[in-house]
Structure formats: structure tokens, C-alpha cells
Amino acid sequence: MTEKKRKIAAILACCMTVSLLPAFSMRAEASGNGEEDKGREVTLRVSNWEEYIDLGGWDEEETIELDSGDVIGERSMIEDFKEWYYETYGIRVKVEYSTFGTNEDLYNMLTLGDTFDLVCPSEYMIMKLMTEDRLLPLSEEFFHTSDKNNYYINGVSPYIQSVFENSEIDGKKWSDYAAGYMWGITGIVYNPEMVSGEEASSWKILSDPAFHRQITIKDNVRDSYFAAVGAIKSDLLTSEEFLNSPDYLQNLEREMNDTAPEIISKVQEYLQDVKDNCYSFESDSGKADMITGKVAANYQWSGDAVYTMDQADEDDFTLAFAVPEESTNIYFDGWVMLKNGIGEDAAKQHAAEAFINFNSRADNVIRNMYYIGYTSVISGGDDSRIFEYADWCYGAEDGEEAVTDYDLGYFFSDGEEDGKYIISAPADQAYRQLFAQYPTEEVISRSSIMACFDEEQTKAINQMWINVRCYNIHDMPGWVRVFAIAAVCVAAGIGIWRKKHSFYR
């Protein structure tokens, strides 16, 4: 079982997202055969999540030994890309790499005028940027399977590609504007000595008084809203009639993204109960709280769940992962090109698409997955190393008796190779790291994305969140409101007086 090297910064919060520009054919221009390319350098400005790419510096003993060849990260992915790009296309590239902590941080940077060529937001932010006409479509050449350097289109999981092909915003397909990077689901990391798998398999655990001050919840509006909707609609979402509807997936997405005023009101009431019941709202500390035993359960993204369970295993402390029966959020982070960064610069666009492809090469996919602990959208196509890596991480040792066959065919196969992608894993991996990293097809069948909310919806849920996190002044008794307003007025008056007198000093 491998140890993931790094944790990733917290994801998501509230919702914040291309008109078509001509695609630029760059294969000939970037071939590097002409004298005019000598000494040329392209500057590529990239912004990504914190600690979300391999920075290299691996120790020799960390080498991942696979049947198809060893993998090790000696240098950073950025440095290796620059060398590969020059060797492949004869053009030098300077990468100005920066990071952001949340989707909203990125959006704020863009709004304040920061300029990037390539960024990696989550699915709802991608949709937001698409609706705001900020993105440049991927070129036609990017999708040519005949180009051996197009590692993305030749290696992306058939399942992931189908999601991107079938997801639209304003009539535009995700796949035309975004290339996936990492993906996962949300669920509950729990201590099986304190919480049963059944208890952890419902969003209602967040408000369960049996776990008073023993559960953490995400400190952002979108994740918390999703969980609260799952809890308050639990009876509907788990009813036979709902589950057996021929339009189940469409209905599920509609229900999980419901922003009707009465639902927002119920979510606020529920989250206020959760606030009284939970140990904390957190973005990153929940992992440590689980590992040290401060809490019994933690609402977590699957990648961080893997990290948490790995770290607990080092201390001989067993944790597990459950997915609520009502629904889980399936999320994607993907590379998109910004129109105001690349503009009509074909050289920049080629470098940006090459950066995506380089990070989609099987060995680099493995490096990134090992370094950050999340799951790549790349399955490898004809390159078997990514499946070999999954087996290297989670396959049972020779002679191990308590094993289970874990089928990853839905992710790695296009349906023509059933039975080829089965890992014989330790039995407990059916609800631990392997389950978190590659959820079962049954779990995926009840997953829903977070939709992009419009301005009115966003305003409404943001106000709800302020009420939950900061207390709603309208719920205060009248005399308390009068006293609070008077105190504010007095404070304001004192401030004006001080400012007036200090002016003449």
C-alpha cells in the first residue's frame, strides 16, 4: 500500500463561468523545423490548486516499480515539461506557475485583473466561466487521436469523457472547453469503532445527537449546502419510486441543486442544527482531527479521505470511508484556457494544450496521483501503467486470504474488455482507500454534480450561509436588535469624532 506524499488544499464553496474563437492549427508552426524558431521562447502563465502537481524530489526508495517500467519524480513536473516541450517542438517555454486556494480565490483574482493562460478550476466554476464567455475552446488538433503526443484524448477514461461530452451549459459541451485533470466524490470518513458503516452512510449523521461534537463539516457554502439538501430530502431520495424512475439521474441532479426559497430556508435551519451539533466547520483540519482521534467522523472529499486513511494506517489506527445513500457529489477539476490570457496567440495556445497533454502522459499521471493523492481522469488508453499503479497500490499480497475482486472496468474500459480491469484486493479495501479512490459503479450511479447557480441563486444561498455562520440578526429578539444597532451607531459616532480630531493634529 503506498503512502500519498501530500495533502491538497480545501476545495469548493459557493458558485461563481465562451464564445467560439477560431481554433489555431499549431502542429506545423510548433514543429521547430524552421530557422525562425531558433531562440524563440513562449511564456505560459498557469494557475492551479495548491500542492496539486508533482514537485519532484522523490527519494530513491519511493520509486514505483511497475511491470511496464519504473516511475519516479526526480524533478518538478514544470521543469520536465519545459525540457519535453523543447525536445518535442524545438521551442523554449517559460512557465510562470502560481496557485490558488479555492475556486472563489481564482475567480476573485480574475475579476481583479490577474491574467493567466491556463487554469484548473472545478466543474461548477468551469461552467461559470463558460457562461461569462471567458474561455477559449480547445483546438481541433487537440482531439486528433493520430497524434502520439495527444496523451489526453488518447488516454482519458471513457467514462470521464462521456460525462464531459454529455454535460452542457448554455448549449456548449464541457468537452469543447475543458480537459479533465482530477476527479472524485464526497463522503464520510469515520472511525469504525465509534460509528457504524450504516450510520456513516447518510448525510443525516451530521445532525445526529448521538455524535454531538464528534463530527466536522466543510466550511464552504456549496459542499455544506449539498450535504444539507441530501439530509432534508433523505426520504424522497431513498424512496423506491424515486430510485426506480426512468429519469432518475436528471431528477437527482435537479433535487440536489434545488434552490427554491423554502428549500434554502430548510437548509439554513438544518445547518444551524448541524452547527450546534458538530465539532467544527473546517477546510483542512478535519484530516488531522480524524487521525488524532478528536472526532469520530469527517465530511470529506475522496482524495483527502485517502490521505487521512493512509496517515491513520501509519499509526495503526484504522479509519473507513462511506458514501451517503441519498447521493454523492461527483466533482471534476479541469484545465481551461482563458480568452483574455491567450487571446489570438496561437503559440500560447499550443503550449497550453501541450502542458495538458504532458500531464496526461501515463507516467506523469502516476507521479501526480502519488504526489497529491487524488484520482486522475486519465485511464491510459493502450498504456497499462495507470491500472498497474492502482494494482500496485491496492492489490492483495500473495497468500492473503481475505480478498475481494474489485472491478474498475467502468473507468478503464470502453465496454469491450469486461473482466480485464479487476483488482484482487484485501477485503477491507471495499470500504477504505480503494473505494475512496475508485468508487464502485453503484456509487457512481447515484452521484450528482454541483450545478452552476445564477446570480440570484448564488446571492440567496450566500445570504443563507452568512446567517448560518454569523448568526441571523433577524432571529434576534427585538430588544437585542435595538441594542446592537445602537452600539453600531455609537461606535460609528466615536470613529467619526476621532477621525475629525486627528485630522487637525
Protein backbone atom coordinates (compact mmCIF):
# COMPACT_ATOMS: atom_id res chain seq x y z
CA MET A 1 0.00 0.00 0.00
CA THR A 2 1.56 3.28 -0.98
CA GLU A 3 1.66 6.44 1.11
CA LYS A 4 0.43 9.57 -0.58
CA LYS A 5 3.02 12.30 -0.15
CA ARG A 6 1.00 15.41 0.04
CA LYS A 7 -2.37 16.71 1.07
CA ILE A 8 -4.36 19.03 -1.15
CA ALA A 9 -5.83 22.37 -0.15
CA ALA A 10 -9.61 22.58 0.53
CA ILE A 11 -11.99 22.61 -2.36
CA LEU A 12 -15.14 24.31 -3.30
CA ALA A 13 -17.55 26.70 -1.74
CA CYS A 14 -20.12 28.89 -3.33
CA CYS A 15 -20.85 29.08 -7.07
CA MET A 16 -19.27 31.57 -9.16
CA THR A 17 -18.01 30.65 -15.76
CA VAL A 18 -17.08 31.11 -24.39
CA SER A 19 -17.88 32.27 -27.36
CA LEU A 20 -16.14 30.46 -30.10
CA LEU A 21 -12.84 31.76 -31.35
CA PRO A 22 -11.05 30.23 -34.28
CA ALA A 23 -9.01 27.16 -33.43
CA PHE A 24 -5.39 27.53 -34.35
CA SER A 25 -3.51 24.80 -36.12
CA MET A 26 -0.13 24.77 -34.44
CA ARG A 27 1.42 21.45 -35.34
CA ALA A 28 3.34 22.88 -38.28
CA GLU A 29 4.17 26.14 -36.52
CA ALA A 30 5.44 24.35 -33.44
CA SER A 31 7.44 21.69 -35.21
CA GLY A 32 10.62 23.62 -34.73
CA ASN A 33 12.00 22.81 -38.15
CA GLY A 34 12.45 26.38 -39.34
CA GLU A 35 15.29 28.80 -38.65
CA GLU A 36 12.74 31.31 -37.35
CA ASP A 37 12.06 29.08 -34.31
CA LYS A 38 15.64 29.14 -33.02
CA GLY A 39 15.95 31.11 -29.83
CA ARG A 40 12.20 31.60 -29.63
CA GLU A 41 10.51 31.39 -26.20
CA VAL A 42 6.83 31.24 -25.26
CA THR A 43 5.65 32.40 -21.84
CA LEU A 44 2.84 30.30 -20.38
CA ARG A 45 1.05 31.56 -17.27
CA VAL A 46 -0.53 28.68 -15.33
CA SER A 47 -2.55 28.77 -12.11
CA ASN A 48 -3.50 25.59 -10.29
CA TRP A 49 -4.64 24.43 -6.86
CA GLU A 50 -2.06 24.46 -4.07
CA GLU A 51 0.10 21.29 -3.98
CA TYR A 52 -1.76 19.88 -6.98
CA ILE A 53 1.13 18.86 -9.21
CA ASP A 54 4.26 16.78 -8.63
CA LEU A 55 7.10 18.97 -7.37
CA GLY A 56 9.65 16.14 -7.64
CA GLY A 57 12.41 15.46 -5.14
CA TRP A 58 11.40 11.84 -4.52
CA ASP A 59 13.72 9.60 -2.54
CA GLU A 60 15.11 6.58 -4.35
CA GLU A 61 13.07 4.20 -2.19
CA GLU A 62 9.89 5.90 -3.36
CA THR A 63 10.36 4.53 -6.87
CA ILE A 64 7.12 2.96 -8.12
CA GLU A 65 8.12 -0.36 -9.66
CA LEU A 66 5.64 -1.50 -12.29
CA ASP A 67 5.77 -4.31 -14.81
CA SER A 68 5.80 -1.74 -17.62
CA GLY A 69 8.59 0.36 -16.11
CA ASP A 70 9.60 2.30 -13.03
CA VAL A 71 8.17 5.73 -12.19
CA ILE A 72 9.89 8.36 -10.04
CA GLY A 73 9.63 12.12 -9.71
CA GLU A 74 13.17 13.44 -9.64
CA ARG A 75 12.43 16.99 -10.81
CA SER A 76 9.28 19.06 -10.76
CA MET A 77 6.66 18.43 -13.42
CA ILE A 78 7.12 22.03 -14.56
CA GLU A 79 10.84 21.58 -15.26
CA ASP A 80 10.25 18.26 -17.01
CA PHE A 81 7.54 19.84 -19.18
CA LYS A 82 9.83 22.65 -20.29
CA GLU A 83 12.51 20.17 -21.35
CA TRP A 84 10.00 17.87 -23.09
CA TYR A 85 8.40 20.77 -24.96
CA TYR A 86 11.75 21.96 -26.33
CA GLU A 87 12.83 18.44 -27.28
CA THR A 88 9.47 17.73 -28.94
CA TYR A 89 8.72 21.03 -30.68
CA GLY A 90 12.02 22.92 -30.74
CA ILE A 91 10.56 25.88 -28.86
CA ARG A 92 11.52 27.01 -25.39
CA VAL A 93 8.71 27.69 -22.94
CA LYS A 94 8.85 29.75 -19.78
CA VAL A 95 6.20 28.64 -17.29
CA GLU A 96 5.00 31.21 -14.77
CA TYR A 97 3.28 28.91 -12.29
CA SER A 98 1.10 30.11 -9.40
CA THR A 99 -1.55 28.62 -7.14
CA PHE A 100 -4.93 29.40 -5.59
CA GLY A 101 -6.73 28.01 -2.55
CA THR A 102 -10.38 27.89 -3.67
CA ASN A 103 -12.43 28.35 -6.80
CA GLU A 104 -13.59 31.66 -5.41
CA ASP A 105 -9.99 32.81 -4.85
CA LEU A 106 -9.30 32.13 -8.53
CA TYR A 107 -12.46 33.91 -9.63
CA ASN A 108 -11.61 36.93 -7.49
CA MET A 109 -8.11 37.07 -8.96
CA LEU A 110 -9.56 37.04 -12.47
CA THR A 111 -12.12 39.68 -11.55
CA LEU A 112 -9.40 41.91 -10.09
CA GLY A 113 -7.42 41.73 -13.32
CA ASP A 114 -4.90 38.91 -12.86
CA THR A 115 -4.13 37.34 -16.24
CA PHE A 116 -3.48 33.63 -16.82
CA ASP A 117 -3.37 31.47 -19.93
CA LEU A 118 -4.29 28.14 -18.35
CA VAL A 119 -6.14 27.47 -15.08
CA CYS A 120 -7.62 24.43 -13.35
CA PRO A 121 -10.96 25.19 -11.65
CA SER A 122 -13.70 22.76 -10.61
CA GLU A 123 -16.71 21.85 -12.70
CA TYR A 124 -19.13 24.49 -11.44
CA MET A 125 -16.52 27.22 -11.85
CA ILE A 126 -15.77 25.96 -15.36
CA MET A 127 -19.47 26.36 -16.12
CA LYS A 128 -19.43 29.82 -14.58
CA LEU A 129 -16.51 30.90 -16.77
CA MET A 130 -18.22 29.42 -19.82
CA THR A 131 -21.41 31.38 -19.20
CA GLU A 132 -19.35 34.55 -18.82
CA ASP A 133 -17.65 33.97 -22.19
CA ARG A 134 -14.17 33.89 -20.66
CA LEU A 135 -12.88 30.63 -22.13
CA LEU A 136 -11.20 29.69 -25.36
CA PRO A 137 -12.22 26.36 -26.92
CA LEU A 138 -9.67 23.62 -27.30
CA SER A 139 -8.29 23.37 -30.83
CA GLU A 140 -9.36 20.70 -33.31
CA GLU A 141 -5.79 19.39 -33.31
CA PHE A 142 -6.02 18.68 -29.56
CA PHE A 143 -8.55 15.91 -30.31
CA HIS A 144 -6.60 14.20 -33.11
CA THR A 145 -6.01 10.64 -31.90
CA SER A 146 -3.45 10.12 -34.67
CA ASP A 147 -1.02 12.48 -32.88
CA LYS A 148 1.03 10.37 -30.45
CA ASN A 149 1.70 13.47 -28.31
CA ASN A 150 -2.02 13.98 -27.70
CA TYR A 151 -1.88 11.98 -24.49
CA TYR A 152 -5.13 13.43 -23.17
CA ILE A 153 -7.56 12.35 -25.87
CA ASN A 154 -5.72 9.04 -26.31
CA GLY A 155 -5.75 8.29 -22.59
CA VAL A 156 -8.80 9.89 -20.94
CA SER A 157 -11.14 7.45 -19.20
CA PRO A 158 -14.08 6.56 -21.48
CA TYR A 159 -16.38 7.17 -18.51
CA ILE A 160 -14.99 10.64 -17.80
CA GLN A 161 -15.04 11.59 -21.47
CA SER A 162 -18.70 10.58 -21.72
CA VAL A 163 -19.52 12.83 -18.75
CA PHE A 164 -17.75 15.77 -20.37
CA GLU A 165 -19.37 15.05 -23.74
CA ASN A 166 -22.86 14.86 -22.25
CA SER A 167 -22.61 17.87 -19.91
CA GLU A 168 -23.54 21.27 -21.29
CA ILE A 169 -24.02 24.85 -20.19
CA ASP A 170 -25.81 27.31 -22.48
CA GLY A 171 -25.73 24.66 -25.21
CA LYS A 172 -21.93 24.30 -25.06
CA LYS A 173 -20.32 20.98 -24.16
CA TRP A 174 -17.74 20.83 -21.37
CA SER A 175 -15.51 18.73 -23.61
CA ASP A 176 -15.09 21.59 -26.09
CA TYR A 177 -13.62 23.87 -23.44
CA ALA A 178 -12.24 21.74 -20.59
CA ALA A 179 -9.78 18.87 -20.32
CA GLY A 180 -10.21 16.94 -17.08
CA TYR A 181 -7.38 16.69 -14.54
CA MET A 182 -8.56 15.05 -11.30
CA TRP A 183 -11.95 13.79 -10.13
CA GLY A 184 -13.62 12.32 -7.08
CA ILE A 185 -16.67 12.15 -4.86
CA THR A 186 -17.63 13.31 -1.38
CA GLY A 187 -18.44 11.12 1.60
CA ILE A 188 -17.81 10.45 5.27
CA VAL A 189 -14.50 9.30 6.76
CA TYR A 190 -15.31 7.55 10.02
CA ASN A 191 -13.85 5.61 12.92
CA PRO A 192 -15.49 2.16 12.72
CA GLU A 193 -15.01 1.67 16.47
CA MET A 194 -17.28 4.67 17.14
CA VAL A 195 -19.51 4.88 14.07
CA SER A 196 -21.15 2.07 12.11
CA GLY A 197 -21.00 1.91 8.34
CA GLU A 198 -24.78 2.29 8.24
CA GLU A 199 -24.68 5.46 10.36
CA ALA A 200 -21.95 6.94 8.16
CA SER A 201 -23.95 6.16 5.02
CA SER A 202 -26.41 9.02 5.39
CA TRP A 203 -25.97 12.78 5.36
CA LYS A 204 -28.23 12.83 8.42
CA ILE A 205 -25.25 11.80 10.54
CA LEU A 206 -24.15 15.45 10.53
CA SER A 207 -27.03 16.41 12.83
CA ASP A 208 -27.27 13.13 14.75
CA PRO A 209 -27.15 13.99 18.51
CA ALA A 210 -25.54 10.61 19.15
CA PHE A 211 -22.35 12.18 17.72
CA HIS A 212 -22.55 15.55 19.45
CA ARG A 213 -19.28 17.46 18.96
CA GLN A 214 -17.75 14.43 17.20
CA ILE A 215 -18.25 15.34 13.52
CA THR A 216 -16.75 18.00 11.27
CA ILE A 217 -18.37 19.59 8.22
CA LYS A 218 -16.94 21.59 5.33
CA ASP A 219 -16.57 25.32 5.85
CA ASN A 220 -17.92 26.36 2.47
CA VAL A 221 -21.40 27.00 1.21
CA ARG A 222 -21.56 24.67 -1.79
CA ASP A 223 -20.38 21.49 -0.08
CA SER A 224 -22.40 22.15 3.04
CA TYR A 225 -25.49 23.05 1.00
CA PHE A 226 -25.20 19.80 -0.96
CA ALA A 227 -24.96 17.70 2.21
CA ALA A 228 -27.86 19.54 3.85
CA VAL A 229 -30.12 19.02 0.81
CA GLY A 230 -29.26 15.31 0.92
CA ALA A 231 -30.24 15.17 4.59
CA ILE A 232 -33.52 17.07 4.41
CA LYS A 233 -34.59 15.18 1.28
CA SER A 234 -33.40 11.79 2.50
CA ASP A 235 -36.83 10.13 2.49
CA LEU A 236 -37.51 11.26 -1.08
CA LEU A 237 -34.06 10.39 -2.43
CA THR A 238 -34.11 6.87 -0.98
CA SER A 239 -37.73 6.05 -1.86
CA GLU A 240 -38.39 3.18 -4.27
CA GLU A 241 -40.46 5.40 -6.54
CA PHE A 242 -37.65 7.94 -6.88
CA LEU A 243 -34.91 5.35 -7.33
CA ASN A 244 -36.84 3.42 -9.98
CA SER A 245 -37.80 6.44 -12.08
CA PRO A 246 -36.55 6.22 -15.69
CA ASP A 247 -35.41 9.83 -15.26
CA TYR A 248 -33.58 9.12 -12.01
CA LEU A 249 -30.30 10.88 -12.85
CA GLN A 250 -31.99 14.03 -14.14
CA ASN A 251 -34.30 14.08 -11.13
CA LEU A 252 -31.39 13.55 -8.76
CA GLU A 253 -29.42 16.45 -10.20
CA ARG A 254 -32.50 18.68 -10.02
CA GLU A 255 -33.20 17.78 -6.40
CA MET A 256 -29.58 18.10 -5.23
CA ASN A 257 -29.30 21.57 -6.80
CA ASP A 258 -32.71 22.79 -5.62
CA THR A 259 -32.64 26.49 -4.62
CA ALA A 260 -36.35 27.09 -4.09
CA PRO A 261 -36.86 29.61 -1.24
CA GLU A 262 -38.49 27.00 1.00
CA ILE A 263 -35.56 24.61 0.45
CA ILE A 264 -32.99 27.30 1.23
CA SER A 265 -34.93 28.05 4.42
CA LYS A 266 -34.92 24.37 5.40
CA VAL A 267 -31.20 24.10 4.58
CA GLN A 268 -30.48 27.08 6.82
CA GLU A 269 -32.45 25.54 9.67
CA TYR A 270 -30.72 22.20 9.19
CA LEU A 271 -27.22 23.71 9.03
CA GLN A 272 -27.90 25.72 12.18
CA ASP A 273 -28.72 22.43 13.90
CA VAL A 274 -25.53 20.96 12.44
CA LYS A 275 -23.58 23.97 13.71
CA ASP A 276 -24.82 23.22 17.24
CA ASN A 277 -24.05 19.52 16.86
CA CYS A 278 -20.71 19.37 15.01
CA TYR A 279 -17.19 19.72 16.36
CA SER A 280 -16.25 22.35 13.77
CA PHE A 281 -16.66 23.76 10.29
CA GLU A 282 -13.33 23.13 8.61
CA SER A 283 -11.50 23.28 5.31
CA ASP A 284 -8.37 21.26 6.03
CA SER A 285 -8.12 20.47 9.76
CA GLY A 286 -10.65 17.64 9.59
CA LYS A 287 -8.00 15.22 8.38
CA ALA A 288 -5.78 15.83 11.41
CA ASP A 289 -8.79 15.70 13.73
CA MET A 290 -9.64 12.23 12.40
CA ILE A 291 -6.06 10.97 12.57
CA THR A 292 -5.60 12.15 16.17
CA GLY A 293 -8.98 10.79 17.26
CA LYS A 294 -10.52 14.16 18.14
CA VAL A 295 -13.60 13.37 16.07
CA ALA A 296 -15.46 10.24 15.05
CA ALA A 297 -16.47 11.28 11.53
CA ASN A 298 -15.47 13.87 8.94
CA TYR A 299 -17.27 15.09 5.80
CA GLN A 300 -14.51 14.76 3.23
CA TRP A 301 -13.51 14.77 -0.43
CA SER A 302 -12.35 11.34 -1.58
CA GLY A 303 -8.75 12.38 -2.26
CA ASP A 304 -8.35 13.79 1.24
CA ALA A 305 -10.13 10.70 2.56
CA VAL A 306 -7.37 8.54 1.05
CA TYR A 307 -4.71 10.73 2.63
CA THR A 308 -6.46 10.59 6.01
CA MET A 309 -6.75 6.80 5.99
CA ASP A 310 -3.13 6.42 4.83
CA GLN A 311 -1.85 8.58 7.67
CA ALA A 312 -4.01 6.77 10.23
CA ASP A 313 -2.65 3.43 8.99
CA GLU A 314 0.86 4.60 9.83
CA ASP A 315 -0.26 4.94 13.44
CA ASP A 316 -2.09 1.58 13.37
CA PHE A 317 -5.36 3.47 13.59
CA THR A 318 -7.99 2.16 11.19
CA LEU A 319 -10.45 4.53 9.51
CA ALA A 320 -13.02 3.84 6.79
CA PHE A 321 -14.95 5.72 4.10
CA ALA A 322 -18.70 5.69 3.43
CA VAL A 323 -20.81 7.30 0.72
CA PRO A 324 -24.25 8.58 1.78
CA GLU A 325 -27.09 6.58 0.27
CA GLU A 326 -29.03 9.72 -0.68
CA SER A 327 -26.41 10.92 -3.18
CA THR A 328 -22.79 11.89 -3.51
CA ASN A 329 -21.27 14.87 -5.26
CA ILE A 330 -19.06 13.85 -8.17
CA TYR A 331 -16.59 16.63 -8.84
CA PHE A 332 -14.03 17.36 -11.53
CA ASP A 333 -11.10 19.73 -11.77
CA GLY A 334 -10.16 20.56 -15.34
CA TRP A 335 -7.79 22.64 -17.43
CA VAL A 336 -9.30 25.57 -19.30
CA MET A 337 -7.72 28.30 -21.43
CA LEU A 338 -8.63 31.90 -20.66
CA LYS A 339 -9.55 34.08 -23.60
CA ASN A 340 -8.07 37.26 -22.12
CA GLY A 341 -4.76 35.49 -21.49
CA ILE A 342 -4.16 33.57 -24.70
CA GLY A 343 -6.22 35.79 -26.97
CA GLU A 344 -5.23 35.07 -30.55
CA ASP A 345 -1.71 33.94 -29.68
CA ALA A 346 -1.51 30.54 -31.38
CA ALA A 347 1.89 29.79 -29.83
CA LYS A 348 0.49 30.22 -26.33
CA GLN A 349 -2.48 28.02 -27.13
CA HIS A 350 -0.21 25.28 -28.42
CA ALA A 351 1.96 25.47 -25.30
CA ALA A 352 -1.14 25.37 -23.07
CA GLU A 353 -2.55 22.31 -24.81
CA ALA A 354 0.87 20.66 -24.72
CA PHE A 355 1.00 21.27 -20.96
CA ILE A 356 -2.31 19.43 -20.60
CA ASN A 357 -1.04 16.57 -22.74
CA PHE A 358 2.25 16.26 -20.89
CA ASN A 359 0.40 15.95 -17.58
CA SER A 360 -1.82 13.31 -19.21
CA ARG A 361 1.07 11.00 -20.13
CA ALA A 362 0.77 7.80 -18.10
CA ASP A 363 4.00 8.13 -16.11
CA ASN A 364 3.23 11.76 -15.28
CA VAL A 365 -0.32 10.86 -14.31
CA ILE A 366 1.09 8.36 -11.83
CA ARG A 367 3.54 10.91 -10.46
CA ASN A 368 0.78 13.46 -9.90
CA MET A 369 -1.56 10.92 -8.33
CA TYR A 370 1.14 9.65 -5.99
CA TYR A 371 2.20 13.15 -5.00
CA ILE A 372 -1.23 14.66 -4.31
CA GLY A 373 -3.37 11.61 -3.55
CA TYR A 374 -6.27 12.38 -5.88
CA THR A 375 -7.51 10.36 -8.84
CA SER A 376 -6.65 11.34 -12.41
CA VAL A 377 -9.28 11.37 -15.15
CA ILE A 378 -6.75 9.54 -17.31
CA SER A 379 -7.04 5.76 -17.55
CA GLY A 380 -4.17 5.41 -20.02
CA GLY A 381 -5.77 4.02 -23.16
CA ASP A 382 -3.35 1.46 -24.59
CA ASP A 383 -0.82 2.25 -21.85
CA SER A 384 -1.44 -0.16 -18.96
CA ARG A 385 0.67 1.63 -16.36
CA ILE A 386 -2.16 3.52 -14.61
CA PHE A 387 -4.10 0.32 -13.95
CA GLU A 388 -0.85 -1.34 -12.90
CA TYR A 389 -0.36 1.54 -10.47
CA ALA A 390 -3.85 1.01 -8.97
CA ASP A 391 -2.99 -2.67 -8.51
CA TRP A 392 0.43 -1.71 -7.09
CA CYS A 393 -1.33 0.48 -4.52
CA TYR A 394 -4.20 -1.79 -3.56
CA GLY A 395 -3.64 -5.34 -4.79
CA ALA A 396 -3.53 -8.08 -2.16
CA GLU A 397 -0.24 -9.68 -1.18
CA ASP A 398 0.48 -13.21 -2.35
CA GLY A 399 -1.14 -15.69 0.01
CA GLU A 400 -3.51 -13.15 1.55
CA GLU A 401 -6.78 -14.94 2.31
CA ALA A 402 -9.39 -12.23 2.97
CA VAL A 403 -9.59 -10.76 -0.53
CA THR A 404 -12.25 -9.31 -2.78
CA ASP A 405 -12.48 -8.82 -6.53
CA TYR A 406 -12.82 -5.09 -7.17
CA ASP A 407 -13.97 -4.23 -10.69
CA LEU A 408 -12.70 -0.98 -12.24
CA GLY A 409 -13.97 -1.77 -15.72
CA TYR A 410 -16.37 1.20 -15.83
CA PHE A 411 -13.41 3.58 -15.51
CA PHE A 412 -10.69 1.84 -17.53
CA SER A 413 -12.72 0.07 -20.21
CA ASP A 414 -14.89 1.19 -23.11
CA GLY A 415 -17.10 -1.83 -22.50
CA GLU A 416 -15.25 -4.17 -24.84
CA GLU A 417 -12.87 -5.62 -22.25
CA ASP A 418 -15.09 -6.68 -19.35
CA GLY A 419 -13.19 -8.62 -16.71
CA LYS A 420 -9.78 -7.22 -17.64
CA TYR A 421 -9.70 -4.47 -15.03
CA ILE A 422 -10.33 -6.34 -11.79
CA ILE A 423 -8.08 -5.92 -8.77
CA SER A 424 -7.84 -8.74 -6.23
CA ALA A 425 -7.67 -6.53 -3.14
CA PRO A 426 -7.75 -7.02 0.64
CA ALA A 427 -11.39 -7.35 1.67
CA ASP A 428 -11.39 -4.17 3.74
CA GLN A 429 -10.46 -2.10 0.67
CA ALA A 430 -14.08 -2.41 -0.41
CA TYR A 431 -14.78 0.42 2.05
CA ARG A 432 -11.40 2.04 2.51
CA GLN A 433 -8.75 3.67 0.27
CA LEU A 434 -9.51 1.79 -2.95
CA PHE A 435 -13.20 2.52 -2.51
CA ALA A 436 -12.47 6.23 -1.99
CA GLN A 437 -10.03 6.50 -4.89
CA TYR A 438 -12.10 4.48 -7.35
CA PRO A 439 -15.75 4.39 -6.18
CA THR A 440 -17.84 1.46 -7.34
CA GLU A 441 -20.12 1.74 -10.33
CA GLU A 442 -23.10 1.54 -7.95
CA VAL A 443 -21.89 4.63 -6.07
CA ILE A 444 -21.29 6.50 -9.32
CA SER A 445 -24.84 5.67 -10.40
CA ARG A 446 -26.19 7.87 -7.55
CA SER A 447 -23.78 10.75 -7.96
CA SER A 448 -24.68 14.30 -8.94
CA ILE A 449 -22.66 17.32 -9.98
CA MET A 450 -22.98 20.73 -8.37
CA ALA A 451 -24.71 22.90 -10.94
CA CYS A 452 -23.66 26.43 -11.75
CA PHE A 453 -26.06 28.75 -9.91
CA ASP A 454 -27.10 32.04 -11.46
CA GLU A 455 -26.58 35.38 -9.75
CA GLU A 456 -29.92 35.33 -7.92
CA GLN A 457 -29.45 31.76 -6.67
CA THR A 458 -25.90 32.50 -5.58
CA LYS A 459 -26.99 35.59 -3.67
CA ALA A 460 -29.72 33.62 -1.89
CA ILE A 461 -27.52 30.74 -0.73
CA ASN A 462 -24.70 33.11 0.22
CA GLN A 463 -27.10 35.01 2.48
CA MET A 464 -28.22 31.70 3.96
CA TRP A 465 -24.60 30.82 4.63
CA ILE A 466 -23.96 34.17 6.33
CA ASN A 467 -26.98 33.53 8.52
CA VAL A 468 -25.66 30.11 9.48
CA ARG A 469 -22.04 31.09 10.07
CA CYS A 470 -22.53 34.57 11.51
CA TYR A 471 -26.00 34.29 13.09
CA ASN A 472 -29.05 35.87 11.55
CA ILE A 473 -29.81 39.25 13.10
CA HIS A 474 -33.48 38.86 12.11
CA ASP A 475 -33.76 35.91 14.52
CA MET A 476 -32.66 38.07 17.46
CA PRO A 477 -35.23 39.40 19.95
CA GLY A 478 -36.31 42.97 19.22
CA TRP A 479 -34.53 44.47 22.21
CA VAL A 480 -31.27 42.77 21.19
CA ARG A 481 -31.54 44.20 17.66
CA VAL A 482 -32.20 47.70 19.06
CA PHE A 483 -29.22 47.40 21.39
CA ALA A 484 -26.97 46.10 18.59
CA ILE A 485 -27.99 48.91 16.21
CA ALA A 486 -27.44 51.49 18.95
CA ALA A 487 -24.00 50.05 19.68
CA VAL A 488 -23.08 50.26 16.00
CA CYS A 489 -24.24 53.88 15.85
CA VAL A 490 -22.24 54.80 18.96
CA ALA A 491 -19.15 53.09 17.55
CA ALA A 492 -19.59 54.89 14.25
CA GLY A 493 -20.00 58.23 16.03
CA ILE A 494 -16.84 57.70 18.05
CA GLY A 495 -14.97 56.79 14.88
CA ILE A 496 -16.11 59.96 13.11
CA TRP A 497 -15.19 62.08 16.13
CA ARG A 498 -11.70 60.54 16.30
CA LYS A 499 -11.14 60.97 12.60
CA LYS A 500 -12.26 64.62 12.73
CA HIS A 501 -9.99 65.48 15.66
CA SER A 502 -6.99 63.56 14.39
CA PHE A 503 -7.23 65.48 11.10
CA TYR A 504 -6.28 68.73 12.80
CA ARG A 505 -3.38 67.34 14.84
